[in-house]
């Protein structure tokens, strides 16, 4: 049991980043002492690698504010910015989180909801079945309710949560919002 706890501690991102930083500092000291005549080449290579990382960030489909923050960090610290981006810059979910979200979605597929907030589910569209939708496969479920409201459920690709979208009807915005709140409250226990 102790070995498992120690291995979990060792392989955490923060520990890995700290070790990489220490390794980089040690490398810089060794390079400065032993290869001082080559330090300009090492710096040039670091700047080139940073420029490549910046180009990769610019061509990504991420939020512009997110891109700018990483570009500033990488260009300000060309030696340290790249590893920081590799460890923290990409939005990846842990295996445990992906497994939990997949389990929730699989549970919704295996035991489809028959009612939500007192409204009967009249149809369920599963977008993992392109032969039924005519569209590319996607991990999305759409529940059409008897009152013509819709609930759309899908896992987030970058955040540890299941996203739910509602199309509700009402005489005004307040009534539609109240319907949405009613549906959301009814789905909380299902997605817990």
N, C-alpha and C. Protein backbone atom coordinates (compact mmCIF):
# COMPACT_ATOMS: atom_id res chain seq x y z
N UNK A 1 0.82 -1.19 0.00
CA UNK A 1 0.00 0.00 0.00
C UNK A 1 0.87 1.26 0.00
N UNK A 2 1.97 1.23 0.77
CA UNK A 2 2.86 2.38 0.83
C UNK A 2 3.51 2.64 -0.52
N UNK A 3 3.82 1.56 -1.25
CA UNK A 3 4.46 1.71 -2.56
C UNK A 3 3.51 2.41 -3.52
N UNK A 4 2.23 2.09 -3.45
CA UNK A 4 1.24 2.71 -4.32
C UNK A 4 1.15 4.21 -4.03
N UNK A 5 1.11 4.57 -2.73
CA UNK A 5 1.04 5.99 -2.36
C UNK A 5 2.29 6.74 -2.80
N UNK A 6 3.44 6.11 -2.65
CA UNK A 6 4.70 6.74 -3.05
C UNK A 6 4.72 6.93 -4.56
N UNK A 7 4.29 5.91 -5.31
CA UNK A 7 4.28 6.03 -6.77
C UNK A 7 3.29 7.09 -7.24
N UNK A 8 2.13 7.21 -6.56
CA UNK A 8 1.17 8.25 -6.92
C UNK A 8 1.77 9.63 -6.67
N UNK A 9 2.50 9.79 -5.58
CA UNK A 9 3.14 11.06 -5.27
C UNK A 9 4.21 11.39 -6.31
N UNK A 10 5.03 10.40 -6.66
CA UNK A 10 6.13 10.63 -7.58
C UNK A 10 5.62 11.02 -8.97
N UNK A 11 4.52 10.44 -9.42
CA UNK A 11 4.06 10.66 -10.78
C UNK A 11 3.01 11.76 -10.90
N UNK A 12 2.86 12.59 -9.90
CA UNK A 12 1.98 13.75 -10.01
C UNK A 12 2.66 14.79 -10.88
N UNK A 13 1.86 15.59 -11.57
CA UNK A 13 2.40 16.61 -12.47
C UNK A 13 3.32 17.59 -11.75
N UNK A 14 2.92 18.03 -10.58
CA UNK A 14 3.71 19.02 -9.86
C UNK A 14 5.10 18.48 -9.54
N UNK A 15 5.17 17.23 -9.11
CA UNK A 15 6.46 16.62 -8.80
C UNK A 15 7.29 16.48 -10.07
N UNK A 16 6.66 16.07 -11.14
CA UNK A 16 7.37 15.91 -12.41
C UNK A 16 7.91 17.25 -12.89
N UNK A 17 7.09 18.30 -12.81
CA UNK A 17 7.54 19.62 -13.25
C UNK A 17 8.70 20.10 -12.37
N UNK A 18 8.59 19.92 -11.05
CA UNK A 18 9.67 20.33 -10.16
C UNK A 18 10.97 19.60 -10.50
N UNK A 19 10.87 18.29 -10.75
CA UNK A 19 12.06 17.53 -11.12
C UNK A 19 12.64 18.00 -12.46
N UNK A 20 11.76 18.28 -13.41
CA UNK A 20 12.24 18.78 -14.71
C UNK A 20 12.90 20.15 -14.58
N UNK A 21 12.34 21.00 -13.72
CA UNK A 21 12.96 22.30 -13.49
C UNK A 21 14.34 22.15 -12.87
N UNK A 22 14.44 21.29 -11.89
CA UNK A 22 15.75 21.05 -11.27
C UNK A 22 16.73 20.48 -12.29
N UNK A 23 16.26 19.58 -13.13
CA UNK A 23 17.09 19.01 -14.17
C UNK A 23 17.55 20.08 -15.15
N UNK A 24 16.65 20.99 -15.50
CA UNK A 24 17.03 22.06 -16.42
C UNK A 24 18.04 23.02 -15.79
N UNK A 25 17.83 23.34 -14.53
CA UNK A 25 18.79 24.22 -13.85
C UNK A 25 20.16 23.55 -13.79
N UNK A 26 20.17 22.27 -13.43
CA UNK A 26 21.44 21.54 -13.39
C UNK A 26 22.07 21.49 -14.78
N UNK A 27 21.27 21.26 -15.81
CA UNK A 27 21.77 21.22 -17.18
C UNK A 27 22.36 22.57 -17.57
N UNK A 28 21.66 23.64 -17.19
CA UNK A 28 22.16 24.97 -17.51
C UNK A 28 23.50 25.24 -16.83
N UNK A 29 23.63 24.83 -15.58
CA UNK A 29 24.89 25.02 -14.86
C UNK A 29 26.00 24.22 -15.54
N UNK A 30 25.73 22.97 -15.86
CA UNK A 30 26.74 22.13 -16.54
C UNK A 30 27.12 22.74 -17.88
N UNK A 31 26.12 23.17 -18.65
CA UNK A 31 26.41 23.77 -19.94
C UNK A 31 27.25 25.04 -19.78
N UNK A 32 26.91 25.83 -18.77
CA UNK A 32 27.64 27.08 -18.55
C UNK A 32 29.11 26.80 -18.19
N UNK A 33 29.32 25.81 -17.35
CA UNK A 33 30.68 25.50 -16.91
C UNK A 33 31.48 24.78 -17.99
N UNK A 34 30.92 23.73 -18.56
CA UNK A 34 31.68 22.88 -19.49
C UNK A 34 31.64 23.37 -20.93
N UNK A 35 30.50 23.97 -21.31
CA UNK A 35 30.33 24.32 -22.73
C UNK A 35 30.03 25.81 -22.90
N UNK A 36 30.74 26.64 -22.16
CA UNK A 36 30.46 28.08 -22.23
C UNK A 36 30.64 28.63 -23.64
N UNK A 37 31.49 28.06 -24.40
CA UNK A 37 31.68 28.54 -25.77
C UNK A 37 30.49 28.19 -26.67
N UNK A 38 29.67 27.21 -26.23
CA UNK A 38 28.50 26.80 -27.02
C UNK A 38 27.19 27.34 -26.46
N UNK A 39 27.25 28.17 -25.44
CA UNK A 39 26.02 28.64 -24.79
C UNK A 39 25.13 29.41 -25.75
N UNK A 40 25.72 30.16 -26.66
CA UNK A 40 24.88 30.90 -27.62
C UNK A 40 24.12 29.94 -28.53
N UNK A 41 24.73 28.81 -28.90
CA UNK A 41 24.04 27.82 -29.73
C UNK A 41 22.89 27.16 -28.95
N UNK A 42 23.15 26.88 -27.69
CA UNK A 42 22.10 26.29 -26.85
C UNK A 42 20.92 27.25 -26.71
N UNK A 43 21.23 28.52 -26.49
CA UNK A 43 20.16 29.51 -26.36
C UNK A 43 19.39 29.63 -27.68
N UNK A 44 20.11 29.64 -28.80
CA UNK A 44 19.47 29.71 -30.11
C UNK A 44 18.54 28.51 -30.32
N UNK A 45 18.99 27.31 -29.93
CA UNK A 45 18.15 26.11 -30.06
C UNK A 45 16.90 26.23 -29.18
N UNK A 46 17.06 26.78 -27.98
CA UNK A 46 15.91 26.96 -27.08
C UNK A 46 14.91 27.94 -27.67
N UNK A 47 15.40 29.02 -28.22
CA UNK A 47 14.51 30.01 -28.83
C UNK A 47 13.81 29.40 -30.04
N UNK A 48 14.53 28.64 -30.84
CA UNK A 48 13.92 27.98 -32.00
C UNK A 48 12.83 27.01 -31.56
N UNK A 49 13.10 26.23 -30.52
CA UNK A 49 12.09 25.30 -30.00
C UNK A 49 10.88 26.07 -29.48
N UNK A 50 11.12 27.20 -28.83
CA UNK A 50 10.02 28.02 -28.33
C UNK A 50 9.19 28.57 -29.49
N UNK A 51 9.85 29.01 -30.55
CA UNK A 51 9.11 29.51 -31.71
C UNK A 51 8.25 28.41 -32.33
N UNK A 52 8.77 27.20 -32.38
CA UNK A 52 7.98 26.08 -32.90
C UNK A 52 6.77 25.81 -32.00
N UNK A 53 6.97 25.88 -30.67
CA UNK A 53 5.86 25.70 -29.73
C UNK A 53 4.82 26.80 -29.92
N UNK A 54 5.28 28.03 -30.10
CA UNK A 54 4.36 29.15 -30.31
C UNK A 54 3.57 28.93 -31.59
N UNK A 55 4.24 28.48 -32.65
CA UNK A 55 3.54 28.21 -33.91
C UNK A 55 2.47 27.14 -33.71
N UNK A 56 2.80 26.09 -32.95
CA UNK A 56 1.82 25.03 -32.67
C UNK A 56 0.63 25.60 -31.90
N UNK A 57 0.89 26.49 -30.94
CA UNK A 57 -0.20 27.10 -30.17
C UNK A 57 -1.06 27.98 -31.06
N UNK A 58 -0.42 28.77 -31.93
CA UNK A 58 -1.17 29.67 -32.80
C UNK A 58 -2.09 28.92 -33.75
N UNK A 59 -1.67 27.74 -34.20
CA UNK A 59 -2.49 26.98 -35.14
C UNK A 59 -3.53 26.11 -34.45
N UNK A 60 -3.50 26.07 -33.11
CA UNK A 60 -4.50 25.26 -32.40
C UNK A 60 -5.84 25.99 -32.38
N UNK A 61 -6.89 25.28 -32.01
CA UNK A 61 -8.23 25.85 -31.98
C UNK A 61 -8.62 26.30 -30.57
N UNK A 62 -7.66 26.67 -29.77
CA UNK A 62 -7.91 27.05 -28.38
C UNK A 62 -8.41 28.49 -28.29
N UNK A 63 -8.89 28.84 -27.12
CA UNK A 63 -9.34 30.18 -26.81
C UNK A 63 -8.18 31.16 -27.01
N UNK A 64 -8.40 32.31 -27.69
CA UNK A 64 -7.32 33.26 -27.93
C UNK A 64 -6.64 33.77 -26.65
N UNK A 65 -7.39 33.99 -25.60
CA UNK A 65 -6.78 34.45 -24.34
C UNK A 65 -5.84 33.38 -23.80
N UNK A 66 -6.24 32.14 -23.92
CA UNK A 66 -5.42 31.01 -23.49
C UNK A 66 -4.13 30.97 -24.31
N UNK A 67 -4.25 31.18 -25.62
CA UNK A 67 -3.08 31.16 -26.50
C UNK A 67 -2.09 32.26 -26.11
N UNK A 68 -2.60 33.47 -25.91
CA UNK A 68 -1.72 34.60 -25.60
C UNK A 68 -0.96 34.36 -24.31
N UNK A 69 -1.64 33.84 -23.30
CA UNK A 69 -0.97 33.59 -22.02
C UNK A 69 0.19 32.62 -22.19
N UNK A 70 -0.03 31.53 -22.94
CA UNK A 70 1.05 30.56 -23.14
C UNK A 70 2.17 31.13 -24.01
N UNK A 71 1.82 31.92 -25.01
CA UNK A 71 2.84 32.50 -25.88
C UNK A 71 3.74 33.43 -25.08
N UNK A 72 3.15 34.25 -24.22
CA UNK A 72 3.95 35.16 -23.38
C UNK A 72 4.88 34.35 -22.47
N UNK A 73 4.36 33.32 -21.83
CA UNK A 73 5.19 32.50 -20.94
C UNK A 73 6.34 31.85 -21.70
N UNK A 74 6.05 31.29 -22.84
CA UNK A 74 7.09 30.57 -23.60
C UNK A 74 8.14 31.53 -24.13
N UNK A 75 7.72 32.68 -24.63
CA UNK A 75 8.70 33.61 -25.18
C UNK A 75 9.50 34.32 -24.08
N UNK A 76 8.89 34.52 -22.91
CA UNK A 76 9.62 35.16 -21.81
C UNK A 76 10.65 34.20 -21.21
N UNK A 77 10.31 32.92 -21.17
CA UNK A 77 11.20 31.91 -20.60
C UNK A 77 11.37 30.78 -21.61
N UNK A 78 12.18 30.99 -22.64
CA UNK A 78 12.25 29.98 -23.71
C UNK A 78 12.73 28.62 -23.25
N UNK A 79 13.54 28.55 -22.22
CA UNK A 79 14.03 27.25 -21.77
C UNK A 79 13.00 26.54 -20.92
N UNK A 80 12.28 27.28 -20.06
CA UNK A 80 11.32 26.67 -19.15
C UNK A 80 9.89 26.64 -19.69
N UNK A 81 9.57 27.55 -20.60
CA UNK A 81 8.19 27.67 -21.09
C UNK A 81 7.70 26.44 -21.83
N UNK A 82 8.58 25.84 -22.64
CA UNK A 82 8.18 24.65 -23.41
C UNK A 82 7.73 23.50 -22.55
N UNK A 83 8.55 23.07 -21.56
CA UNK A 83 8.12 21.97 -20.69
C UNK A 83 6.84 22.30 -19.90
N UNK A 84 6.71 23.55 -19.47
CA UNK A 84 5.47 23.93 -18.77
C UNK A 84 4.27 23.73 -19.68
N UNK A 85 4.41 24.14 -20.94
CA UNK A 85 3.30 23.97 -21.88
C UNK A 85 3.00 22.49 -22.10
N UNK A 86 4.03 21.68 -22.26
CA UNK A 86 3.82 20.26 -22.49
C UNK A 86 3.10 19.58 -21.32
N UNK A 87 3.40 20.01 -20.09
CA UNK A 87 2.79 19.38 -18.93
C UNK A 87 1.43 19.98 -18.55
N UNK A 88 1.28 21.29 -18.70
CA UNK A 88 0.06 21.94 -18.23
C UNK A 88 -0.77 22.57 -19.33
N UNK A 89 -0.19 22.77 -20.50
CA UNK A 89 -0.85 23.52 -21.55
C UNK A 89 -1.91 22.76 -22.31
N UNK A 90 -1.76 21.48 -22.41
CA UNK A 90 -2.75 20.71 -23.14
C UNK A 90 -3.86 20.29 -22.20
N UNK A 91 -5.06 20.40 -22.68
CA UNK A 91 -6.23 20.07 -21.85
C UNK A 91 -6.55 18.59 -22.01
N UNK A 92 -5.98 17.79 -21.16
CA UNK A 92 -6.24 16.36 -21.20
C UNK A 92 -6.88 15.93 -19.90
N UNK A 93 -7.85 15.05 -20.03
CA UNK A 93 -8.50 14.52 -18.84
C UNK A 93 -7.77 13.27 -18.38
N UNK A 94 -7.79 13.03 -17.09
CA UNK A 94 -7.15 11.82 -16.55
C UNK A 94 -7.94 10.58 -16.98
N UNK A 95 -7.28 9.44 -16.95
CA UNK A 95 -7.95 8.19 -17.30
C UNK A 95 -9.14 7.93 -16.40
N UNK A 96 -8.98 8.21 -15.12
CA UNK A 96 -10.06 8.00 -14.15
C UNK A 96 -11.29 8.84 -14.51
N UNK A 97 -11.06 10.11 -14.83
CA UNK A 97 -12.16 11.01 -15.18
C UNK A 97 -12.83 10.57 -16.47
N UNK A 98 -12.03 10.21 -17.47
CA UNK A 98 -12.60 9.73 -18.74
C UNK A 98 -13.43 8.48 -18.51
N UNK A 99 -12.93 7.58 -17.66
CA UNK A 99 -13.64 6.33 -17.38
C UNK A 99 -14.97 6.62 -16.68
N UNK A 100 -14.96 7.55 -15.72
CA UNK A 100 -16.18 7.90 -14.99
C UNK A 100 -17.21 8.52 -15.93
N UNK A 101 -16.76 9.44 -16.79
CA UNK A 101 -17.69 10.08 -17.73
C UNK A 101 -18.22 9.07 -18.74
N UNK A 102 -17.36 8.17 -19.20
CA UNK A 102 -17.80 7.13 -20.14
C UNK A 102 -18.82 6.22 -19.47
N UNK A 103 -18.62 5.94 -18.18
CA UNK A 103 -19.58 5.11 -17.43
C UNK A 103 -20.94 5.76 -17.32
N UNK A 104 -20.96 7.07 -17.09
CA UNK A 104 -22.23 7.79 -17.02
C UNK A 104 -22.94 7.73 -18.37
N UNK A 105 -22.20 8.00 -19.44
CA UNK A 105 -22.82 7.98 -20.77
C UNK A 105 -23.29 6.57 -21.13
N UNK A 106 -22.48 5.55 -20.80
CA UNK A 106 -22.88 4.17 -21.07
C UNK A 106 -24.13 3.81 -20.27
N UNK A 107 -24.19 4.25 -19.03
CA UNK A 107 -25.38 4.01 -18.20
C UNK A 107 -26.62 4.63 -18.81
N UNK A 108 -26.49 5.82 -19.37
CA UNK A 108 -27.63 6.47 -20.02
C UNK A 108 -28.05 5.72 -21.29
N UNK A 109 -27.07 5.08 -21.95
CA UNK A 109 -27.42 4.31 -23.15
C UNK A 109 -28.07 2.97 -22.79
N UNK A 110 -27.52 2.31 -21.77
CA UNK A 110 -28.05 1.00 -21.39
C UNK A 110 -29.39 1.10 -20.67
N UNK A 111 -29.59 2.15 -19.90
CA UNK A 111 -30.85 2.38 -19.18
C UNK A 111 -31.40 3.75 -19.55
N UNK A 112 -31.97 3.87 -20.75
CA UNK A 112 -32.42 5.19 -21.21
C UNK A 112 -33.46 5.79 -20.26
N UNK A 113 -33.38 7.10 -20.14
CA UNK A 113 -34.36 7.80 -19.30
C UNK A 113 -35.74 7.69 -19.95
N UNK A 114 -36.76 7.45 -19.15
CA UNK A 114 -38.12 7.36 -19.67
C UNK A 114 -38.93 8.61 -19.34
N UNK A 115 -38.43 9.37 -18.33
CA UNK A 115 -39.07 10.64 -18.00
C UNK A 115 -38.04 11.55 -17.34
N UNK A 116 -38.24 12.84 -17.56
CA UNK A 116 -37.38 13.85 -16.96
C UNK A 116 -38.29 14.94 -16.40
N UNK A 117 -38.20 15.15 -15.12
CA UNK A 117 -38.99 16.18 -14.42
C UNK A 117 -40.49 16.02 -14.66
N UNK A 118 -40.93 14.77 -14.74
CA UNK A 118 -42.36 14.51 -14.91
C UNK A 118 -42.81 14.49 -16.36
N UNK A 119 -41.93 14.80 -17.29
CA UNK A 119 -42.27 14.77 -18.72
C UNK A 119 -41.78 13.46 -19.32
N UNK A 120 -42.64 12.81 -20.08
CA UNK A 120 -42.28 11.55 -20.73
C UNK A 120 -41.28 11.81 -21.85
N UNK A 121 -40.25 10.93 -21.94
CA UNK A 121 -39.30 11.00 -23.05
C UNK A 121 -39.94 10.28 -24.24
N UNK A 122 -40.15 11.02 -25.34
CA UNK A 122 -40.81 10.42 -26.50
C UNK A 122 -39.82 9.84 -27.50
N UNK A 123 -38.57 10.36 -27.49
CA UNK A 123 -37.55 9.77 -28.36
C UNK A 123 -36.16 10.07 -27.81
N UNK A 124 -35.26 9.13 -28.09
CA UNK A 124 -33.85 9.29 -27.72
C UNK A 124 -33.03 9.10 -28.99
N UNK A 125 -32.21 10.08 -29.31
CA UNK A 125 -31.33 9.98 -30.47
C UNK A 125 -29.90 9.81 -29.96
N UNK A 126 -29.28 8.71 -30.38
CA UNK A 126 -27.91 8.40 -29.96
C UNK A 126 -26.98 8.67 -31.15
N UNK A 127 -26.16 9.67 -31.03
CA UNK A 127 -25.29 10.07 -32.14
C UNK A 127 -24.06 9.19 -32.30
N UNK A 128 -23.93 8.13 -31.49
CA UNK A 128 -22.86 7.16 -31.75
C UNK A 128 -23.28 6.19 -32.85
N UNK A 129 -24.51 6.33 -33.31
CA UNK A 129 -25.03 5.44 -34.36
C UNK A 129 -25.27 6.25 -35.63
N UNK A 130 -24.24 6.42 -36.46
CA UNK A 130 -24.39 7.24 -37.67
C UNK A 130 -25.42 6.69 -38.65
N UNK A 131 -25.67 5.38 -38.59
CA UNK A 131 -26.68 4.80 -39.49
C UNK A 131 -28.08 5.31 -39.16
N UNK A 132 -28.31 5.76 -37.92
CA UNK A 132 -29.61 6.29 -37.52
C UNK A 132 -29.71 7.80 -37.73
N UNK A 133 -28.58 8.50 -37.56
CA UNK A 133 -28.62 9.96 -37.64
C UNK A 133 -28.21 10.50 -39.00
N UNK A 134 -27.41 9.73 -39.74
CA UNK A 134 -26.89 10.23 -41.01
C UNK A 134 -25.73 11.20 -40.81
N UNK A 135 -25.26 11.32 -39.58
CA UNK A 135 -24.16 12.23 -39.25
C UNK A 135 -22.97 11.43 -38.71
N UNK A 136 -21.79 12.03 -38.69
CA UNK A 136 -20.63 11.33 -38.10
C UNK A 136 -20.89 10.98 -36.64
N UNK A 137 -20.28 9.90 -36.19
CA UNK A 137 -20.45 9.44 -34.82
C UNK A 137 -19.96 10.47 -33.82
N UNK A 138 -20.75 10.70 -32.77
CA UNK A 138 -20.40 11.63 -31.70
C UNK A 138 -21.00 11.10 -30.41
N UNK A 139 -20.35 11.38 -29.31
CA UNK A 139 -20.81 10.90 -28.00
C UNK A 139 -21.88 11.86 -27.46
N UNK A 140 -23.04 11.85 -28.08
CA UNK A 140 -24.12 12.78 -27.74
C UNK A 140 -25.43 12.01 -27.67
N UNK A 141 -26.23 12.32 -26.67
CA UNK A 141 -27.59 11.78 -26.55
C UNK A 141 -28.57 12.95 -26.54
N UNK A 142 -29.64 12.82 -27.32
CA UNK A 142 -30.67 13.86 -27.34
C UNK A 142 -31.99 13.25 -26.94
N UNK A 143 -32.59 13.82 -25.89
CA UNK A 143 -33.88 13.38 -25.38
C UNK A 143 -34.94 14.40 -25.79
N UNK A 144 -35.93 13.92 -26.55
CA UNK A 144 -37.06 14.77 -26.93
C UNK A 144 -38.20 14.45 -25.96
N UNK A 145 -38.74 15.47 -25.32
CA UNK A 145 -39.77 15.29 -24.31
C UNK A 145 -41.15 15.53 -24.89
N UNK A 146 -42.17 15.03 -24.19
CA UNK A 146 -43.55 15.12 -24.67
C UNK A 146 -44.04 16.57 -24.80
N UNK A 147 -43.43 17.49 -24.09
CA UNK A 147 -43.85 18.90 -24.17
C UNK A 147 -43.01 19.68 -25.19
N UNK A 148 -42.34 18.96 -26.10
CA UNK A 148 -41.50 19.51 -27.17
C UNK A 148 -40.24 20.20 -26.67
N UNK A 149 -39.84 19.94 -25.45
CA UNK A 149 -38.57 20.43 -24.96
C UNK A 149 -37.52 19.37 -25.23
N UNK A 150 -36.26 19.78 -25.23
CA UNK A 150 -35.17 18.87 -25.57
C UNK A 150 -34.06 18.96 -24.53
N UNK A 151 -33.47 17.81 -24.24
CA UNK A 151 -32.31 17.75 -23.35
C UNK A 151 -31.20 17.06 -24.13
N UNK A 152 -30.04 17.73 -24.22
CA UNK A 152 -28.89 17.20 -24.95
C UNK A 152 -27.79 16.93 -23.93
N UNK A 153 -27.24 15.71 -23.95
CA UNK A 153 -26.22 15.30 -22.98
C UNK A 153 -24.98 14.86 -23.74
N UNK A 154 -23.82 15.40 -23.30
CA UNK A 154 -22.54 14.98 -23.89
C UNK A 154 -21.42 15.21 -22.89
N UNK A 155 -20.37 14.40 -22.96
CA UNK A 155 -19.22 14.64 -22.08
C UNK A 155 -18.37 15.78 -22.65
N UNK A 156 -17.77 16.54 -21.76
CA UNK A 156 -16.84 17.58 -22.19
C UNK A 156 -15.55 16.91 -22.62
N UNK A 157 -14.90 17.46 -23.60
CA UNK A 157 -13.63 16.92 -24.04
C UNK A 157 -12.44 17.47 -23.27
N UNK A 158 -12.65 18.60 -22.59
CA UNK A 158 -11.53 19.24 -21.91
C UNK A 158 -11.76 19.46 -20.42
N UNK A 159 -12.98 19.30 -19.97
CA UNK A 159 -13.29 19.53 -18.56
C UNK A 159 -13.87 18.25 -17.96
N UNK A 160 -13.68 18.05 -16.67
CA UNK A 160 -14.19 16.82 -16.05
C UNK A 160 -15.67 16.92 -15.70
N UNK A 161 -16.51 17.04 -16.72
CA UNK A 161 -17.94 17.12 -16.45
C UNK A 161 -18.74 16.68 -17.67
N UNK A 162 -19.98 16.33 -17.40
CA UNK A 162 -20.94 16.03 -18.46
C UNK A 162 -21.70 17.32 -18.72
N UNK A 163 -21.76 17.73 -19.98
CA UNK A 163 -22.46 18.96 -20.32
C UNK A 163 -23.89 18.63 -20.74
N UNK A 164 -24.81 19.48 -20.30
CA UNK A 164 -26.22 19.30 -20.64
C UNK A 164 -26.75 20.61 -21.20
N UNK A 165 -27.42 20.51 -22.33
CA UNK A 165 -28.03 21.66 -22.98
C UNK A 165 -29.54 21.45 -22.99
N UNK A 166 -30.27 22.54 -22.85
CA UNK A 166 -31.73 22.45 -22.78
C UNK A 166 -32.34 23.38 -23.81
N UNK A 167 -33.39 22.90 -24.47
CA UNK A 167 -34.24 23.80 -25.23
C UNK A 167 -35.60 23.72 -24.54
N UNK A 168 -36.01 24.83 -23.97
CA UNK A 168 -37.26 24.86 -23.20
C UNK A 168 -38.22 25.88 -23.80
N UNK A 169 -39.47 25.71 -23.45
CA UNK A 169 -40.51 26.59 -23.95
C UNK A 169 -41.16 27.33 -22.79
N UNK A 170 -41.59 28.55 -23.07
CA UNK A 170 -42.29 29.33 -22.05
C UNK A 170 -42.91 30.56 -22.69
N UNK A 171 -43.83 31.18 -21.97
CA UNK A 171 -44.47 32.40 -22.48
C UNK A 171 -43.48 33.56 -22.51
N UNK A 172 -42.49 33.49 -21.62
CA UNK A 172 -41.44 34.51 -21.57
C UNK A 172 -40.14 33.86 -21.12
N UNK A 173 -39.10 34.65 -21.05
CA UNK A 173 -37.79 34.12 -20.68
C UNK A 173 -37.79 33.53 -19.27
N UNK A 174 -38.48 34.17 -18.35
CA UNK A 174 -38.51 33.68 -16.96
C UNK A 174 -39.15 32.29 -16.88
N UNK A 175 -40.22 32.09 -17.63
CA UNK A 175 -40.89 30.78 -17.62
C UNK A 175 -40.00 29.71 -18.27
N UNK A 176 -39.33 30.06 -19.37
CA UNK A 176 -38.42 29.11 -20.02
C UNK A 176 -37.25 28.77 -19.09
N UNK A 177 -36.74 29.77 -18.37
CA UNK A 177 -35.65 29.55 -17.42
C UNK A 177 -36.11 28.64 -16.28
N UNK A 178 -37.34 28.83 -15.81
CA UNK A 178 -37.89 27.99 -14.74
C UNK A 178 -38.00 26.54 -15.22
N UNK A 179 -38.41 26.34 -16.47
CA UNK A 179 -38.48 24.99 -17.04
C UNK A 179 -37.09 24.36 -17.11
N UNK A 180 -36.12 25.13 -17.54
CA UNK A 180 -34.74 24.64 -17.62
C UNK A 180 -34.23 24.24 -16.24
N UNK A 181 -34.51 25.08 -15.24
CA UNK A 181 -34.09 24.78 -13.87
C UNK A 181 -34.75 23.51 -13.36
N UNK A 182 -36.00 23.31 -13.72
CA UNK A 182 -36.74 22.11 -13.31
C UNK A 182 -36.10 20.85 -13.93
N UNK A 183 -35.76 20.93 -15.21
CA UNK A 183 -35.12 19.80 -15.89
C UNK A 183 -33.73 19.54 -15.30
N UNK A 184 -32.98 20.59 -15.06
CA UNK A 184 -31.62 20.46 -14.51
C UNK A 184 -31.66 19.80 -13.13
N UNK A 185 -32.60 20.21 -12.32
CA UNK A 185 -32.72 19.63 -10.96
C UNK A 185 -33.07 18.14 -11.05
N UNK A 186 -33.92 17.77 -11.99
CA UNK A 186 -34.32 16.38 -12.14
C UNK A 186 -33.16 15.50 -12.61
N UNK A 187 -32.21 16.08 -13.36
CA UNK A 187 -31.10 15.29 -13.90
C UNK A 187 -29.91 15.19 -12.93
N UNK A 188 -29.86 15.99 -11.89
CA UNK A 188 -28.73 15.95 -10.96
C UNK A 188 -28.45 14.56 -10.41
N UNK A 189 -29.48 13.84 -9.90
CA UNK A 189 -29.17 12.50 -9.35
C UNK A 189 -28.72 11.50 -10.42
N UNK A 190 -29.17 11.69 -11.65
CA UNK A 190 -28.82 10.76 -12.72
C UNK A 190 -27.34 10.89 -13.07
N UNK A 191 -26.81 12.11 -13.02
CA UNK A 191 -25.44 12.36 -13.44
C UNK A 191 -24.44 12.40 -12.31
N UNK A 192 -24.89 12.11 -11.10
CA UNK A 192 -23.99 12.17 -9.94
C UNK A 192 -23.04 10.99 -9.91
